[in-house]
Amino acid sequence: VFHPFILKEYNNRWFVVGRPGVEAKKPIVNFALDRI
């Protein structure tokens, strides 16, 4: 479960940055789009 905040590009790779889970206390993480 993921709450997406922004899309970020670095070194020709794209990532989605946001918070996992349903609680606001969870740390912010990033997921590489090529692993989705």
PDB file of all heavy atoms in Angstrom:
ATOM      1  N   VAL A   1       0.871  -1.175   0.000  1.00  0.00           N
ATOM      2  CA  VAL A   1       0.000   0.000   0.000  1.00  0.00           C
ATOM      3  C   VAL A   1       0.905   1.221   0.000  1.00  0.00           C
ATOM      4  O   VAL A   1       1.833   1.320   0.815  1.00  0.00           O
ATOM      5  CB  VAL A   1      -0.923   0.010   1.237  1.00  0.00           C
ATOM      6  CG1 VAL A   1      -1.703   1.327   1.295  1.00  0.00           C
ATOM      7  CG2 VAL A   1      -1.867  -1.177   1.203  1.00  0.00           C
ATOM      8  N   PHE A   2       0.646   2.155  -0.898  1.00  0.00           N
ATOM      9  CA  PHE A   2       1.604   3.243  -1.084  1.00  0.00           C
ATOM     10  C   PHE A   2       0.896   4.567  -1.361  1.00  0.00           C
ATOM     11  O   PHE A   2      -0.019   4.637  -2.166  1.00  0.00           O
ATOM     12  CB  PHE A   2       2.539   2.899  -2.252  1.00  0.00           C
ATOM     13  CG  PHE A   2       3.736   3.787  -2.368  1.00  0.00           C
ATOM     14  CD1 PHE A   2       4.756   3.741  -1.437  1.00  0.00           C
ATOM     15  CD2 PHE A   2       3.843   4.678  -3.426  1.00  0.00           C
ATOM     16  CE1 PHE A   2       5.872   4.556  -1.554  1.00  0.00           C
ATOM     17  CE2 PHE A   2       4.951   5.496  -3.561  1.00  0.00           C
ATOM     18  CZ  PHE A   2       5.972   5.430  -2.622  1.00  0.00           C
ATOM     19  N   HIS A   3       1.383   5.620  -0.681  1.00  0.00           N
ATOM     20  CA  HIS A   3       0.878   6.984  -0.876  1.00  0.00           C
ATOM     21  C   HIS A   3       1.946   7.750  -1.666  1.00  0.00           C
ATOM     22  O   HIS A   3       2.954   8.167  -1.087  1.00  0.00           O
ATOM     23  CB  HIS A   3       0.628   7.667   0.468  1.00  0.00           C
ATOM     24  CG  HIS A   3      -0.298   6.908   1.366  1.00  0.00           C
ATOM     25  ND1 HIS A   3      -1.594   7.297   1.608  1.00  0.00           N
ATOM     26  CD2 HIS A   3      -0.119   5.773   2.089  1.00  0.00           C
ATOM     27  CE1 HIS A   3      -2.171   6.447   2.443  1.00  0.00           C
ATOM     28  NE2 HIS A   3      -1.292   5.502   2.736  1.00  0.00           N
ATOM     29  N   PRO A   4       1.785   7.932  -2.969  1.00  0.00           N
ATOM     30  CA  PRO A   4       2.830   8.581  -3.774  1.00  0.00           C
ATOM     31  C   PRO A   4       2.838  10.101  -3.596  1.00  0.00           C
ATOM     32  O   PRO A   4       1.784  10.741  -3.579  1.00  0.00           O
ATOM     33  CB  PRO A   4       2.438   8.196  -5.197  1.00  0.00           C
ATOM     34  CG  PRO A   4       0.949   8.062  -5.151  1.00  0.00           C
ATOM     35  CD  PRO A   4       0.625   7.530  -3.778  1.00  0.00           C
ATOM     36  N   PHE A   5       4.035  10.664  -3.467  1.00  0.00           N
ATOM     37  CA  PHE A   5       4.171  12.108  -3.276  1.00  0.00           C
ATOM     38  C   PHE A   5       4.762  12.815  -4.497  1.00  0.00           C
ATOM     39  O   PHE A   5       4.244  13.814  -4.963  1.00  0.00           O
ATOM     40  CB  PHE A   5       5.055  12.405  -2.062  1.00  0.00           C
ATOM     41  CG  PHE A   5       4.471  11.941  -0.751  1.00  0.00           C
ATOM     42  CD1 PHE A   5       5.287  11.716   0.348  1.00  0.00           C
ATOM     43  CD2 PHE A   5       3.100  11.717  -0.609  1.00  0.00           C
ATOM     44  CE1 PHE A   5       4.755  11.299   1.564  1.00  0.00           C
ATOM     45  CE2 PHE A   5       2.563  11.292   0.594  1.00  0.00           C
ATOM     46  CZ  PHE A   5       3.399  11.081   1.683  1.00  0.00           C
ATOM     47  N   ILE A   6       5.893  12.272  -4.999  1.00  0.00           N
ATOM     48  CA  ILE A   6       6.544  12.891  -6.158  1.00  0.00           C
ATOM     49  C   ILE A   6       7.178  11.819  -7.031  1.00  0.00           C
ATOM     50  O   ILE A   6       7.407  10.694  -6.584  1.00  0.00           O
ATOM     51  CB  ILE A   6       7.646  13.912  -5.765  1.00  0.00           C
ATOM     52  CG1 ILE A   6       8.785  13.202  -5.020  1.00  0.00           C
ATOM     53  CG2 ILE A   6       7.075  15.074  -4.983  1.00  0.00           C
ATOM     54  CD1 ILE A   6      10.030  14.061  -4.847  1.00  0.00           C
ATOM     55  N   LEU A   7       7.464  12.187  -8.270  1.00  0.00           N
ATOM     56  CA  LEU A   7       8.274  11.371  -9.168  1.00  0.00           C
ATOM     57  C   LEU A   7       9.654  12.010  -9.249  1.00  0.00           C
ATOM     58  O   LEU A   7       9.766  13.241  -9.351  1.00  0.00           O
ATOM     59  CB  LEU A   7       7.646  11.319 -10.564  1.00  0.00           C
ATOM     60  CG  LEU A   7       6.377  10.481 -10.686  1.00  0.00           C
ATOM     61  CD1 LEU A   7       5.624  10.836 -11.966  1.00  0.00           C
ATOM     62  CD2 LEU A   7       6.712   8.993 -10.661  1.00  0.00           C
ATOM     63  N   LYS A   8      10.689  11.187  -9.205  1.00  0.00           N
ATOM     64  CA  LYS A   8      12.047  11.722  -9.223  1.00  0.00           C
ATOM     65  C   LYS A   8      12.896  10.951 -10.226  1.00  0.00           C
ATOM     66  O   LYS A   8      12.831   9.719 -10.292  1.00  0.00           O
ATOM     67  CB  LYS A   8      12.686  11.631  -7.833  1.00  0.00           C
ATOM     68  CG  LYS A   8      14.094  12.225  -7.758  1.00  0.00           C
ATOM     69  CD  LYS A   8      14.600  12.272  -6.332  1.00  0.00           C
ATOM     70  CE  LYS A   8      16.034  12.776  -6.258  1.00  0.00           C
ATOM     71  NZ  LYS A   8      16.174  14.156  -6.751  1.00  0.00           N
ATOM     72  N   GLU A   9      13.695  11.691 -10.997  1.00  0.00           N
ATOM     73  CA  GLU A   9      14.601  11.073 -11.946  1.00  0.00           C
ATOM     74  C   GLU A   9      16.036  11.286 -11.473  1.00  0.00           C
ATOM     75  O   GLU A   9      16.406  12.374 -11.027  1.00  0.00           O
ATOM     76  CB  GLU A   9      14.416  11.695 -13.334  1.00  0.00           C
ATOM     77  CG  GLU A   9      15.219  11.030 -14.449  1.00  0.00           C
ATOM     78  CD  GLU A   9      16.595  11.627 -14.638  1.00  0.00           C
ATOM     79  OE1 GLU A   9      16.844  12.753 -14.143  1.00  0.00           O
ATOM     80  OE2 GLU A   9      17.437  10.972 -15.265  1.00  0.00           O
ATOM     81  N   TYR A  10      16.844  10.229 -11.538  1.00  0.00           N
ATOM     82  CA  TYR A  10      18.259  10.342 -11.207  1.00  0.00           C
ATOM     83  C   TYR A  10      19.044   9.356 -12.066  1.00  0.00           C
ATOM     84  O   TYR A  10      18.699   8.164 -12.122  1.00  0.00           O
ATOM     85  CB  TYR A  10      18.510  10.048  -9.721  1.00  0.00           C
ATOM     86  CG  TYR A  10      19.987  10.048  -9.358  1.00  0.00           C
ATOM     87  CD1 TYR A  10      20.708  11.243  -9.319  1.00  0.00           C
ATOM     88  CD2 TYR A  10      20.662   8.865  -9.095  1.00  0.00           C
ATOM     89  CE1 TYR A  10      22.059  11.253  -9.019  1.00  0.00           C
ATOM     90  CE2 TYR A  10      22.017   8.866  -8.791  1.00  0.00           C
ATOM     91  CZ  TYR A  10      22.709  10.065  -8.748  1.00  0.00           C
ATOM     92  OH  TYR A  10      24.054  10.077  -8.449  1.00  0.00           O
ATOM     93  N   ASN A  11      20.063   9.870 -12.714  1.00  0.00           N
ATOM     94  CA  ASN A  11      20.963   9.033 -13.509  1.00  0.00           C
ATOM     95  C   ASN A  11      20.191   8.186 -14.523  1.00  0.00           C
ATOM     96  O   ASN A  11      20.453   6.996 -14.693  1.00  0.00           O
ATOM     97  CB  ASN A  11      21.805   8.148 -12.584  1.00  0.00           C
ATOM     98  CG  ASN A  11      23.038   7.595 -13.279  1.00  0.00           C
ATOM     99  OD1 ASN A  11      23.510   8.163 -14.254  1.00  0.00           O
ATOM    100  ND2 ASN A  11      23.558   6.489 -12.770  1.00  0.00           N
ATOM    101  N   ASN A  12      19.230   8.817 -15.172  1.00  0.00           N
ATOM    102  CA  ASN A  12      18.432   8.187 -16.238  1.00  0.00           C
ATOM    103  C   ASN A  12      17.542   7.054 -15.724  1.00  0.00           C
ATOM    104  O   ASN A  12      17.158   6.167 -16.480  1.00  0.00           O
ATOM    105  CB  ASN A  12      19.344   7.661 -17.351  1.00  0.00           C
ATOM    106  CG  ASN A  12      18.644   7.637 -18.700  1.00  0.00           C
ATOM    107  OD1 ASN A  12      17.650   8.324 -18.915  1.00  0.00           O
ATOM    108  ND2 ASN A  12      19.143   6.836 -19.617  1.00  0.00           N
ATOM    109  N   ARG A  13      17.205   7.076 -14.429  1.00  0.00           N
ATOM    110  CA  ARG A  13      16.243   6.130 -13.862  1.00  0.00           C
ATOM    111  C   ARG A  13      15.176   6.926 -13.124  1.00  0.00           C
ATOM    112  O   ARG A  13      15.447   7.972 -12.543  1.00  0.00           O
ATOM    113  CB  ARG A  13      16.915   5.158 -12.876  1.00  0.00           C
ATOM    114  CG  ARG A  13      17.844   4.158 -13.509  1.00  0.00           C
ATOM    115  CD  ARG A  13      18.359   3.175 -12.477  1.00  0.00           C
ATOM    116  NE  ARG A  13      17.348   2.194 -12.101  1.00  0.00           N
ATOM    117  CZ  ARG A  13      17.431   1.421 -11.017  1.00  0.00           C
ATOM    118  NH1 ARG A  13      18.443   1.536 -10.185  1.00  0.00           N
ATOM    119  NH2 ARG A  13      16.496   0.531 -10.756  1.00  0.00           N
ATOM    120  N   TRP A  14      13.946   6.413 -13.139  1.00  0.00           N
ATOM    121  CA  TRP A  14      12.834   7.090 -12.490  1.00  0.00           C
ATOM    122  C   TRP A  14      12.441   6.365 -11.207  1.00  0.00           C
ATOM    123  O   TRP A  14      12.492   5.136 -11.128  1.00  0.00           O
ATOM    124  CB  TRP A  14      11.625   7.145 -13.422  1.00  0.00           C
ATOM    125  CG  TRP A  14      11.760   8.200 -14.485  1.00  0.00           C
ATOM    126  CD1 TRP A  14      12.331   8.068 -15.714  1.00  0.00           C
ATOM    127  CD2 TRP A  14      11.296   9.551 -14.402  1.00  0.00           C
ATOM    128  NE1 TRP A  14      12.257   9.247 -16.404  1.00  0.00           N
ATOM    129  CE2 TRP A  14      11.629  10.173 -15.622  1.00  0.00           C
ATOM    130  CE3 TRP A  14      10.642  10.297 -13.423  1.00  0.00           C
ATOM    131  CZ2 TRP A  14      11.325  11.510 -15.899  1.00  0.00           C
ATOM    132  CZ3 TRP A  14      10.335  11.622 -13.690  1.00  0.00           C
ATOM    133  CH2 TRP A  14      10.671  12.215 -14.910  1.00  0.00           C
ATOM    134  N   PHE A  15      12.033   7.164 -10.218  1.00  0.00           N
ATOM    135  CA  PHE A  15      11.612   6.645  -8.924  1.00  0.00           C
ATOM    136  C   PHE A  15      10.324   7.347  -8.498  1.00  0.00           C
ATOM    137  O   PHE A  15      10.094   8.506  -8.854  1.00  0.00           O
ATOM    138  CB  PHE A  15      12.686   6.899  -7.855  1.00  0.00           C
ATOM    139  CG  PHE A  15      14.021   6.288  -8.169  1.00  0.00           C
ATOM    140  CD1 PHE A  15      14.918   6.925  -9.021  1.00  0.00           C
ATOM    141  CD2 PHE A  15      14.396   5.070  -7.612  1.00  0.00           C
ATOM    142  CE1 PHE A  15      16.158   6.375  -9.321  1.00  0.00           C
ATOM    143  CE2 PHE A  15      15.629   4.501  -7.902  1.00  0.00           C
ATOM    144  CZ  PHE A  15      16.516   5.154  -8.751  1.00  0.00           C
ATOM    145  N   VAL A  16       9.497   6.625  -7.740  1.00  0.00           N
ATOM    146  CA  VAL A  16       8.340   7.253  -7.121  1.00  0.00           C
ATOM    147  C   VAL A  16       8.628   7.312  -5.629  1.00  0.00           C
ATOM    148  O   VAL A  16       9.061   6.332  -5.017  1.00  0.00           O
ATOM    149  CB  VAL A  16       7.028   6.492  -7.421  1.00  0.00           C
ATOM    150  CG1 VAL A  16       7.083   5.049  -6.947  1.00  0.00           C
ATOM    151  CG2 VAL A  16       5.835   7.218  -6.798  1.00  0.00           C
ATOM    152  N   VAL A  17       8.417   8.479  -5.048  1.00  0.00           N
ATOM    153  CA  VAL A  17       8.731   8.713  -3.641  1.00  0.00           C
ATOM    154  C   VAL A  17       7.423   8.912  -2.886  1.00  0.00           C
ATOM    155  O   VAL A  17       6.537   9.656  -3.335  1.00  0.00           O
ATOM    156  CB  VAL A  17       9.628   9.960  -3.481  1.00  0.00           C
ATOM    157  CG1 VAL A  17       9.989  10.186  -2.010  1.00  0.00           C
ATOM    158  CG2 VAL A  17      10.889   9.815  -4.329  1.00  0.00           C
ATOM    159  N   GLY A  18       7.301   8.247  -1.758  1.00  0.00           N
ATOM    160  CA  GLY A  18       6.077   8.384  -0.969  1.00  0.00           C
ATOM    161  C   GLY A  18       6.157   7.609   0.330  1.00  0.00           C
ATOM    162  O   GLY A  18       7.242   7.215   0.776  1.00  0.00           O
ATOM    163  N   ARG A  19       4.984   7.381   0.913  1.00  0.00           N
ATOM    164  CA  ARG A  19       4.926   6.711   2.215  1.00  0.00           C
ATOM    165  C   ARG A  19       4.147   5.401   2.093  1.00  0.00           C
ATOM    166  O   ARG A  19       3.023   5.389   1.597  1.00  0.00           O
ATOM    167  CB  ARG A  19       4.255   7.615   3.242  1.00  0.00           C
ATOM    168  CG  ARG A  19       4.552   7.251   4.695  1.00  0.00           C
ATOM    169  CD  ARG A  19       3.768   8.141   5.652  1.00  0.00           C
ATOM    170  NE  ARG A  19       4.095   9.539   5.511  1.00  0.00           N
ATOM    171  CZ  ARG A  19       5.122  10.137   6.125  1.00  0.00           C
ATOM    172  NH1 ARG A  19       5.932   9.431   6.894  1.00  0.00           N
ATOM    173  NH2 ARG A  19       5.340  11.430   5.959  1.00  0.00           N
ATOM    174  N   PRO A  20       4.734   4.286   2.547  1.00  0.00           N
ATOM    175  CA  PRO A  20       4.039   2.997   2.480  1.00  0.00           C
ATOM    176  C   PRO A  20       3.092   2.812   3.658  1.00  0.00           C
ATOM    177  O   PRO A  20       3.189   3.511   4.673  1.00  0.00           O
ATOM    178  CB  PRO A  20       5.191   1.990   2.548  1.00  0.00           C
ATOM    179  CG  PRO A  20       6.224   2.684   3.387  1.00  0.00           C
ATOM    180  CD  PRO A  20       6.107   4.156   3.057  1.00  0.00           C
ATOM    181  N   GLY A  21       2.157   1.848   3.527  1.00  0.00           N
ATOM    182  CA  GLY A  21       1.260   1.520   4.633  1.00  0.00           C
ATOM    183  C   GLY A  21       0.104   2.483   4.763  1.00  0.00           C
ATOM    184  O   GLY A  21      -0.148   3.318   3.889  1.00  0.00           O
ATOM    185  N   VAL A  22      -0.605   2.384   5.867  1.00  0.00           N
ATOM    186  CA  VAL A  22      -1.792   3.217   6.086  1.00  0.00           C
ATOM    187  C   VAL A  22      -1.580   4.209   7.223  1.00  0.00           C
ATOM    188  O   VAL A  22      -2.465   4.998   7.527  1.00  0.00           O
ATOM    189  CB  VAL A  22      -3.020   2.335   6.407  1.00  0.00           C
ATOM    190  CG1 VAL A  22      -3.402   1.504   5.188  1.00  0.00           C
ATOM    191  CG2 VAL A  22      -2.763   1.445   7.611  1.00  0.00           C
ATOM    192  N   GLU A  23      -0.403   4.188   7.846  1.00  0.00           N
ATOM    193  CA  GLU A  23      -0.122   5.085   8.950  1.00  0.00           C
ATOM    194  C   GLU A  23       0.835   6.182   8.512  1.00  0.00           C
ATOM    195  O   GLU A  23       1.781   5.944   7.760  1.00  0.00           O
ATOM    196  CB  GLU A  23       0.490   4.313  10.129  1.00  0.00           C
ATOM    197  CG  GLU A  23      -0.428   3.236  10.701  1.00  0.00           C
ATOM    198  CD  GLU A  23       0.243   2.481  11.828  1.00  0.00           C
ATOM    199  OE1 GLU A  23       1.372   2.863  12.196  1.00  0.00           O
ATOM    200  OE2 GLU A  23      -0.344   1.509  12.318  1.00  0.00           O
ATOM    201  N   ALA A  24       0.600   7.390   9.033  1.00  0.00           N
ATOM    202  CA  ALA A  24       1.424   8.536   8.670  1.00  0.00           C
ATOM    203  C   ALA A  24       2.818   8.478   9.291  1.00  0.00           C
ATOM    204  O   ALA A  24       3.702   9.243   8.928  1.00  0.00           O
ATOM    205  CB  ALA A  24       0.729   9.831   9.097  1.00  0.00           C
ATOM    206  N   LYS A  25       3.024   7.556  10.238  1.00  0.00           N
ATOM    207  CA  LYS A  25       4.313   7.461  10.934  1.00  0.00           C
ATOM    208  C   LYS A  25       5.347   6.666  10.138  1.00  0.00           C
ATOM    209  O   LYS A  25       6.526   6.666  10.483  1.00  0.00           O
ATOM    210  CB  LYS A  25       4.120   6.822  12.304  1.00  0.00           C
ATOM    211  CG  LYS A  25       3.260   7.654  13.255  1.00  0.00           C
ATOM    212  CD  LYS A  25       3.109   6.955  14.599  1.00  0.00           C
ATOM    213  CE  LYS A  25       2.234   7.780  15.538  1.00  0.00           C
ATOM    214  NZ  LYS A  25       2.066   7.115  16.861  1.00  0.00           N
ATOM    215  N   LYS A  26       4.928   5.978   9.108  1.00  0.00           N
ATOM    216  CA  LYS A  26       5.857   5.182   8.320  1.00  0.00           C
ATOM    217  C   LYS A  26       6.879   6.093   7.635  1.00  0.00           C
ATOM    218  O   LYS A  26       6.546   7.190   7.170  1.00  0.00           O
ATOM    219  CB  LYS A  26       5.101   4.388   7.252  1.00  0.00           C
ATOM    220  CG  LYS A  26       4.227   3.272   7.807  1.00  0.00           C
ATOM    221  CD  LYS A  26       5.042   2.022   8.030  1.00  0.00           C
ATOM    222  CE  LYS A  26       4.127   0.851   8.391  1.00  0.00           C
ATOM    223  NZ  LYS A  26       4.877  -0.410   8.549  1.00  0.00           N
ATOM    224  N   PRO A  27       8.134   5.659   7.545  1.00  0.00           N
ATOM    225  CA  PRO A  27       9.161   6.484   6.884  1.00  0.00           C
ATOM    226  C   PRO A  27       8.930   6.587   5.385  1.00  0.00           C
ATOM    227  O   PRO A  27       8.369   5.676   4.767  1.00  0.00           O
ATOM    228  CB  PRO A  27      10.463   5.731   7.189  1.00  0.00           C
ATOM    229  CG  PRO A  27      10.047   4.321   7.428  1.00  0.00           C
ATOM    230  CD  PRO A  27       8.690   4.394   8.070  1.00  0.00           C
ATOM    231  N   ILE A  28       9.355   7.687   4.809  1.00  0.00           N
ATOM    232  CA  ILE A  28       9.232   7.907   3.372  1.00  0.00           C
ATOM    233  C   ILE A  28      10.268   7.054   2.648  1.00  0.00           C
ATOM    234  O   ILE A  28      11.425   6.964   3.059  1.00  0.00           O
ATOM    235  CB  ILE A  28       9.425   9.398   3.040  1.00  0.00           C
ATOM    236  CG1 ILE A  28       8.251  10.192   3.612  1.00  0.00           C
ATOM    237  CG2 ILE A  28       9.533   9.624   1.536  1.00  0.00           C
ATOM    238  CD1 ILE A  28       8.411  11.682   3.533  1.00  0.00           C
ATOM    239  N   VAL A  29       9.843   6.393   1.569  1.00  0.00           N
ATOM    240  CA  VAL A  29      10.725   5.521   0.804  1.00  0.00           C
ATOM    241  C   VAL A  29      10.599   5.847  -0.680  1.00  0.00           C
ATOM    242  O   VAL A  29       9.730   6.623  -1.092  1.00  0.00           O
ATOM    243  CB  VAL A  29      10.388   4.027   1.037  1.00  0.00           C
ATOM    244  CG1 VAL A  29      10.572   3.657   2.500  1.00  0.00           C
ATOM    245  CG2 VAL A  29       8.958   3.723   0.572  1.00  0.00           C
ATOM    246  N   ASN A  30      11.469   5.240  -1.482  1.00  0.00           N
ATOM    247  CA  ASN A  30      11.349   5.380  -2.933  1.00  0.00           C
ATOM    248  C   ASN A  30      11.346   4.004  -3.575  1.00  0.00           C
ATOM    249  O   ASN A  30      11.992   3.072  -3.078  1.00  0.00           O
ATOM    250  CB  ASN A  30      12.481   6.245  -3.494  1.00  0.00           C
ATOM    251  CG  ASN A  30      13.838   5.562  -3.411  1.00  0.00           C
ATOM    252  OD1 ASN A  30      14.134   4.658  -4.196  1.00  0.00           O
ATOM    253  ND2 ASN A  30      14.674   5.995  -2.473  1.00  0.00           N
ATOM    254  N   PHE A  31      10.606   3.877  -4.662  1.00  0.00           N
ATOM    255  CA  PHE A  31      10.554   2.645  -5.429  1.00  0.00           C
ATOM    256  C   PHE A  31      11.013   2.938  -6.860  1.00  0.00           C
ATOM    257  O   PHE A  31      10.516   3.880  -7.494  1.00  0.00           O
ATOM    258  CB  PHE A  31       9.142   2.060  -5.466  1.00  0.00           C
ATOM    259  CG  PHE A  31       8.665   1.541  -4.142  1.00  0.00           C
ATOM    260  CD1 PHE A  31       7.350   1.733  -3.735  1.00  0.00           C
ATOM    261  CD2 PHE A  31       9.518   0.846  -3.289  1.00  0.00           C
ATOM    262  CE1 PHE A  31       6.897   1.252  -2.511  1.00  0.00           C
ATOM    263  CE2 PHE A  31       9.083   0.365  -2.061  1.00  0.00           C
ATOM    264  CZ  PHE A  31       7.777   0.557  -1.669  1.00  0.00           C
ATOM    265  N   ALA A  32      11.940   2.139  -7.344  1.00  0.00           N
ATOM    266  CA  ALA A  32      12.384   2.282  -8.733  1.00  0.00           C
ATOM    267  C   ALA A  32      11.285   1.788  -9.669  1.00  0.00           C
ATOM    268  O   ALA A  32      10.722   0.714  -9.456  1.00  0.00           O
ATOM    269  CB  ALA A  32      13.668   1.489  -8.956  1.00  0.00           C
ATOM    270  N   LEU A  33      10.978   2.567 -10.687  1.00  0.00           N
ATOM    271  CA  LEU A  33       9.891   2.190 -11.594  1.00  0.00           C
ATOM    272  C   LEU A  33      10.205   0.909 -12.353  1.00  0.00           C
ATOM    273  O   LEU A  33       9.294   0.178 -12.728  1.00  0.00           O
ATOM    274  CB  LEU A  33       9.612   3.328 -12.582  1.00  0.00           C
ATOM    275  CG  LEU A  33       8.513   4.316 -12.159  1.00  0.00           C
ATOM    276  CD1 LEU A  33       8.880   5.024 -10.866  1.00  0.00           C
ATOM    277  CD2 LEU A  33       8.251   5.330 -13.256  1.00  0.00           C
ATOM    278  N   ASP A  34      11.485   0.614 -12.560  1.00  0.00           N
ATOM    279  CA  ASP A  34      11.811  -0.595 -13.317  1.00  0.00           C
ATOM    280  C   ASP A  34      11.659  -1.869 -12.493  1.00  0.00           C
ATOM    281  O   ASP A  34      11.802  -2.968 -13.012  1.00  0.00           O
ATOM    282  CB  ASP A  34      13.224  -0.507 -13.910  1.00  0.00           C
ATOM    283  CG  ASP A  34      14.290  -0.229 -12.869  1.00  0.00           C
ATOM    284  OD1 ASP A  34      14.094  -0.580 -11.696  1.00  0.00           O
ATOM    285  OD2 ASP A  34      15.337   0.343 -13.230  1.00  0.00           O
ATOM    286  N   ARG A  35      11.350  -1.726 -11.196  1.00  0.00           N
ATOM    287  CA  ARG A  35      11.110  -2.898 -10.346  1.00  0.00           C
ATOM    288  C   ARG A  35       9.629  -3.056 -10.015  1.00  0.00           C
ATOM    289  O   ARG A  35       9.233  -3.961  -9.291  1.00  0.00           O
ATOM    290  CB  ARG A  35      11.920  -2.808  -9.044  1.00  0.00           C
ATOM    291  CG  ARG A  35      13.420  -2.624  -9.222  1.00  0.00           C
ATOM    292  CD  ARG A  35      14.027  -3.624 -10.175  1.00  0.00           C
ATOM    293  NE  ARG A  35      13.800  -4.996  -9.751  1.00  0.00           N
ATOM    294  CZ  ARG A  35      13.850  -6.047 -10.531  1.00  0.00           C
ATOM    295  NH1 ARG A  35      14.092  -5.888 -11.818  1.00  0.00           N
ATOM    296  NH2 ARG A  35      13.641  -7.259 -10.062  1.00  0.00           N
ATOM    297  N   ILE A  36       8.799  -2.155 -10.520  1.00  0.00           N
ATOM    298  CA  ILE A  36       7.354  -2.240 -10.314  1.00  0.00           C
ATOM    299  C   ILE A  36       6.752  -3.202 -11.330  1.00  0.00           C
ATOM    300  O   ILE A  36       6.935  -3.034 -12.543  1.00  0.00           O
ATOM    301  CB  ILE A  36       6.690  -0.855 -10.424  1.00  0.00           C
ATOM    302  CG1 ILE A  36       7.174   0.058  -9.294  1.00  0.00           C
ATOM    303  CG2 ILE A  36       5.173  -0.981 -10.385  1.00  0.00           C
ATOM    304  CD1 ILE A  36       6.632   1.476  -9.371  1.00  0.00           C
TER     305      ILE A  36
END
